[in-house]
């Protein structure tokens, strides 16, 4: 155990500044998301751009693609939360039946699609073959689904994001990205707190609606 801890500390000390910067913006993003603040999106855009570069270097091509998706969804979410001038902001709500089906389809279809595309991507760009394609694909697809629900301000986004986080932690340690793994543990905790916070918001909105 002590040997593993020493190895972890050595890897942490060797972590480059770019990964520290990416993690800092990711932490800012998730804290702002928990607080239901729209500034989560500019922080997420910067973090995603940095992680795209870092994960390509590490051979985690689906994770890199995930951050490209995060980038797109951050732009979409920023616009969706803001909506048109004069309209009220999008409220926090539960997913409906249609959204649950779409979210499930993103997870299952995304996992299969990404798993098939990873070797093609590596070959096309003359990159080393992924050693964990299915694992990488599953983490990415569940996060895709969770991020889509986050952009639509659905409370269930936290559940899907934490499924992704639970599988991502050992994956990142396996790929010698200890700081990113620690970030994911932190994200897991924040997602639990975010779910609790958003549940309170839904309850408060329901109480306000019943009084009006």
Protein backbone atom coordinates (compact mmCIF):
# COMPACT_ATOMS: atom_id res chain seq x y z
CA UNK A 1 0.00 0.00 0.00
CA UNK A 2 2.80 2.40 0.90
CA UNK A 3 4.51 1.60 -2.39
CA UNK A 4 1.35 2.48 -4.33
CA UNK A 5 1.03 5.72 -2.38
CA UNK A 6 4.65 6.66 -3.10
CA UNK A 7 4.15 5.90 -6.79
CA UNK A 8 1.05 8.07 -6.81
CA UNK A 9 2.90 10.99 -5.17
CA UNK A 10 5.72 10.69 -7.71
CA UNK A 11 3.24 10.78 -10.60
CA UNK A 12 1.40 13.71 -9.04
CA UNK A 13 4.64 15.71 -8.70
CA UNK A 14 5.47 14.96 -12.33
CA UNK A 15 2.10 16.28 -13.53
CA UNK A 16 2.52 19.09 -16.05
CA UNK A 17 1.08 22.57 -15.51
CA UNK A 18 -1.37 22.13 -18.39
CA UNK A 19 -3.16 19.32 -16.57
CA UNK A 20 -3.30 21.44 -13.39
CA UNK A 21 -4.85 24.29 -15.39
CA UNK A 22 -7.40 21.99 -17.04
CA UNK A 23 -8.34 20.56 -13.64
CA UNK A 24 -8.70 24.04 -12.12
CA UNK A 25 -11.22 25.10 -14.76
CA UNK A 26 -13.05 21.75 -14.47
CA UNK A 27 -13.38 22.25 -10.70
CA UNK A 28 -14.73 25.76 -11.30
CA UNK A 29 -17.21 24.36 -13.82
CA UNK A 30 -18.65 21.70 -11.54
CA UNK A 31 -18.92 24.04 -8.54
CA UNK A 32 -20.78 26.55 -10.70
CA UNK A 33 -23.03 23.75 -12.00
CA UNK A 34 -23.84 22.68 -8.45
CA UNK A 35 -24.76 26.28 -7.65
CA UNK A 36 -26.93 26.41 -10.81
CA UNK A 37 -24.85 29.31 -12.24
CA UNK A 38 -24.57 29.92 -15.98
CA UNK A 39 -20.85 30.78 -15.67
CA UNK A 40 -20.24 27.02 -15.57
CA UNK A 41 -20.25 27.09 -19.38
CA UNK A 42 -17.29 29.42 -20.13
CA UNK A 43 -15.27 27.53 -17.50
CA UNK A 44 -16.28 24.27 -19.16
CA UNK A 45 -15.27 25.48 -22.61
CA UNK A 46 -11.74 26.29 -21.46
CA UNK A 47 -11.43 23.01 -19.53
CA UNK A 48 -12.67 20.95 -22.50
CA UNK A 49 -10.18 22.49 -24.91
CA UNK A 50 -7.28 21.68 -22.57
CA UNK A 51 -8.43 18.11 -21.88
CA UNK A 52 -8.86 17.36 -25.60
CA UNK A 53 -5.14 17.92 -26.05
CA UNK A 54 -4.17 16.03 -22.86
CA UNK A 55 -6.24 12.93 -23.61
CA UNK A 56 -5.02 12.62 -27.20
CA UNK A 57 -1.48 12.59 -25.82
CA UNK A 58 -2.48 9.85 -23.34
CA UNK A 59 -4.12 7.68 -26.01
CA UNK A 60 -7.60 8.09 -24.52
CA UNK A 61 -9.27 8.97 -27.80
CA UNK A 62 -12.85 8.53 -26.65
CA UNK A 63 -12.16 10.72 -23.62
CA UNK A 64 -10.77 13.33 -25.99
CA UNK A 65 -13.89 13.00 -28.12
CA UNK A 66 -15.95 13.31 -24.95
CA UNK A 67 -14.37 16.67 -24.24
CA UNK A 68 -15.07 17.77 -27.80
CA UNK A 69 -18.69 16.86 -27.09
CA UNK A 70 -18.47 18.78 -23.78
CA UNK A 71 -17.27 21.77 -25.77
CA UNK A 72 -20.25 21.61 -28.13
CA UNK A 73 -22.73 20.99 -25.31
CA UNK A 74 -21.26 23.86 -23.27
CA UNK A 75 -21.97 26.22 -26.16
CA UNK A 76 -25.46 24.70 -26.59
CA UNK A 77 -26.17 24.76 -22.85
CA UNK A 78 -25.02 28.36 -22.54
CA UNK A 79 -27.46 29.36 -25.29
CA UNK A 80 -30.26 27.12 -23.95
CA UNK A 81 -30.01 28.40 -20.38
CA UNK A 82 -29.99 32.01 -21.56
CA UNK A 83 -32.84 31.56 -24.07
CA UNK A 84 -34.38 34.50 -25.88
CA UNK A 85 -34.43 37.97 -24.40
CA UNK A 86 -37.50 38.49 -22.23
CA UNK A 87 -38.14 34.76 -21.68
CA UNK A 88 -37.74 33.23 -18.20
CA UNK A 89 -34.72 30.98 -17.62
CA UNK A 90 -35.13 27.22 -18.08
CA UNK A 91 -36.20 25.66 -14.74
CA UNK A 92 -34.65 22.59 -13.11
CA UNK A 93 -36.96 19.61 -13.70
CA UNK A 94 -37.11 15.82 -13.87
CA UNK A 95 -36.72 14.03 -17.20
CA UNK A 96 -39.87 12.95 -18.98
CA UNK A 97 -40.37 9.58 -20.70
CA UNK A 98 -39.09 10.79 -24.07
CA UNK A 99 -35.93 12.28 -22.52
CA UNK A 100 -35.25 9.06 -20.61
CA UNK A 101 -35.44 7.08 -23.86
CA UNK A 102 -33.09 9.53 -25.59
CA UNK A 103 -30.64 9.43 -22.67
CA UNK A 104 -30.64 5.60 -22.70
CA UNK A 105 -30.15 5.60 -26.46
CA UNK A 106 -27.16 7.91 -26.12
CA UNK A 107 -25.57 5.56 -23.57
CA UNK A 108 -26.10 2.30 -25.47
CA UNK A 109 -25.71 3.60 -29.01
CA UNK A 110 -22.82 5.85 -28.02
CA UNK A 111 -20.89 3.03 -26.35
CA UNK A 112 -21.18 0.78 -29.41
CA UNK A 113 -20.39 3.56 -31.88
CA UNK A 114 -17.37 4.88 -29.97
CA UNK A 115 -16.00 1.36 -29.38
CA UNK A 116 -16.11 0.72 -33.13
CA UNK A 117 -14.67 4.11 -34.07
CA UNK A 118 -11.69 4.19 -31.66
CA UNK A 119 -9.45 1.82 -33.69
CA UNK A 120 -10.41 3.57 -36.92
CA UNK A 121 -9.54 6.95 -35.41
CA UNK A 122 -6.15 5.73 -34.19
CA UNK A 123 -5.34 4.17 -37.55
CA UNK A 124 -6.47 7.20 -39.55
CA UNK A 125 -4.25 9.59 -37.60
CA UNK A 126 -1.36 7.14 -37.20
CA UNK A 127 -1.76 7.04 -33.42
CA UNK A 128 -1.03 4.12 -31.07
CA UNK A 129 -3.90 1.65 -30.72
CA UNK A 130 -6.06 2.10 -27.62
CA UNK A 131 -5.53 -0.57 -24.95
CA UNK A 132 -8.92 0.07 -23.32
CA UNK A 133 -11.41 0.85 -26.12
CA UNK A 134 -14.61 -0.55 -24.54
CA UNK A 135 -13.85 0.94 -21.12
CA UNK A 136 -13.07 4.28 -22.73
CA UNK A 137 -16.25 4.11 -24.83
CA UNK A 138 -18.53 3.35 -21.85
CA UNK A 139 -17.13 6.21 -19.75
CA UNK A 140 -17.58 8.57 -22.66
CA UNK A 141 -21.12 7.54 -23.66
CA UNK A 142 -22.53 7.76 -20.13
CA UNK A 143 -20.98 11.21 -19.75
CA UNK A 144 -22.40 12.25 -23.15
CA UNK A 145 -25.86 11.37 -21.92
CA UNK A 146 -25.38 13.13 -18.58
CA UNK A 147 -24.06 16.28 -20.24
CA UNK A 148 -27.07 16.40 -22.57
CA UNK A 149 -29.39 16.27 -19.56
CA UNK A 150 -27.33 18.94 -17.78
CA UNK A 151 -27.71 21.26 -20.77
CA UNK A 152 -31.48 20.76 -20.51
CA UNK A 153 -31.37 21.35 -16.73
CA UNK A 154 -32.60 17.87 -15.83
CA UNK A 155 -31.76 16.61 -12.34
CA UNK A 156 -30.99 13.08 -13.58
CA UNK A 157 -27.86 14.42 -15.28
CA UNK A 158 -26.03 13.96 -11.96
CA UNK A 159 -26.84 10.24 -11.88
CA UNK A 160 -25.47 9.57 -15.36
CA UNK A 161 -22.41 11.74 -14.80
CA UNK A 162 -21.62 9.78 -11.66
CA UNK A 163 -21.93 6.45 -13.46
CA UNK A 164 -19.32 7.81 -15.85
CA UNK A 165 -17.18 9.11 -12.99
CA UNK A 166 -17.24 5.77 -11.16
CA UNK A 167 -15.75 3.99 -14.18
CA UNK A 168 -13.43 6.87 -15.11
CA UNK A 169 -11.45 6.92 -11.84
CA UNK A 170 -9.75 3.51 -12.26
CA UNK A 171 -9.34 4.17 -16.00
CA UNK A 172 -7.42 7.40 -15.38
CA UNK A 173 -5.20 5.82 -12.73
CA UNK A 174 -4.52 2.99 -15.17
CA UNK A 175 -3.43 5.57 -17.77
CA UNK A 176 -1.14 7.36 -15.29
CA UNK A 177 -3.26 10.50 -15.05
CA UNK A 178 -3.46 10.77 -11.24
CA UNK A 179 -4.51 14.39 -11.07
CA UNK A 180 -7.37 13.79 -13.51
CA UNK A 181 -8.38 10.74 -11.44
CA UNK A 182 -8.45 12.85 -8.28
CA UNK A 183 -10.49 15.46 -10.12
CA UNK A 184 -12.99 12.75 -11.08
CA UNK A 185 -13.30 11.64 -7.43
CA UNK A 186 -14.01 15.28 -6.57
CA UNK A 187 -16.54 15.48 -9.41
CA UNK A 188 -18.26 12.37 -8.04
CA UNK A 189 -18.70 14.02 -4.65
CA UNK A 190 -19.89 17.29 -6.17
CA UNK A 191 -22.37 15.42 -8.37
CA UNK A 192 -23.93 13.85 -5.27
CA UNK A 193 -24.19 17.29 -3.67
CA UNK A 194 -25.48 18.74 -6.94
CA UNK A 195 -28.27 16.16 -7.07
CA UNK A 196 -29.29 17.09 -3.51
CA UNK A 197 -29.13 20.82 -4.28
CA UNK A 198 -31.19 20.52 -7.48
CA UNK A 199 -33.74 18.36 -5.67
CA UNK A 200 -34.23 21.23 -3.20
CA UNK A 201 -34.65 23.66 -6.12
CA UNK A 202 -37.36 21.46 -7.67
CA UNK A 203 -39.14 21.25 -4.31
CA UNK A 204 -38.93 25.01 -3.80
CA UNK A 205 -40.25 25.68 -7.33
CA UNK A 206 -43.15 23.29 -6.71
CA UNK A 207 -43.97 25.03 -3.42
CA UNK A 208 -43.86 28.46 -5.08
CA UNK A 209 -46.09 27.27 -7.92
CA UNK A 210 -48.68 25.89 -5.48
CA UNK A 211 -48.81 29.21 -3.61
CA UNK A 212 -49.39 31.24 -6.78
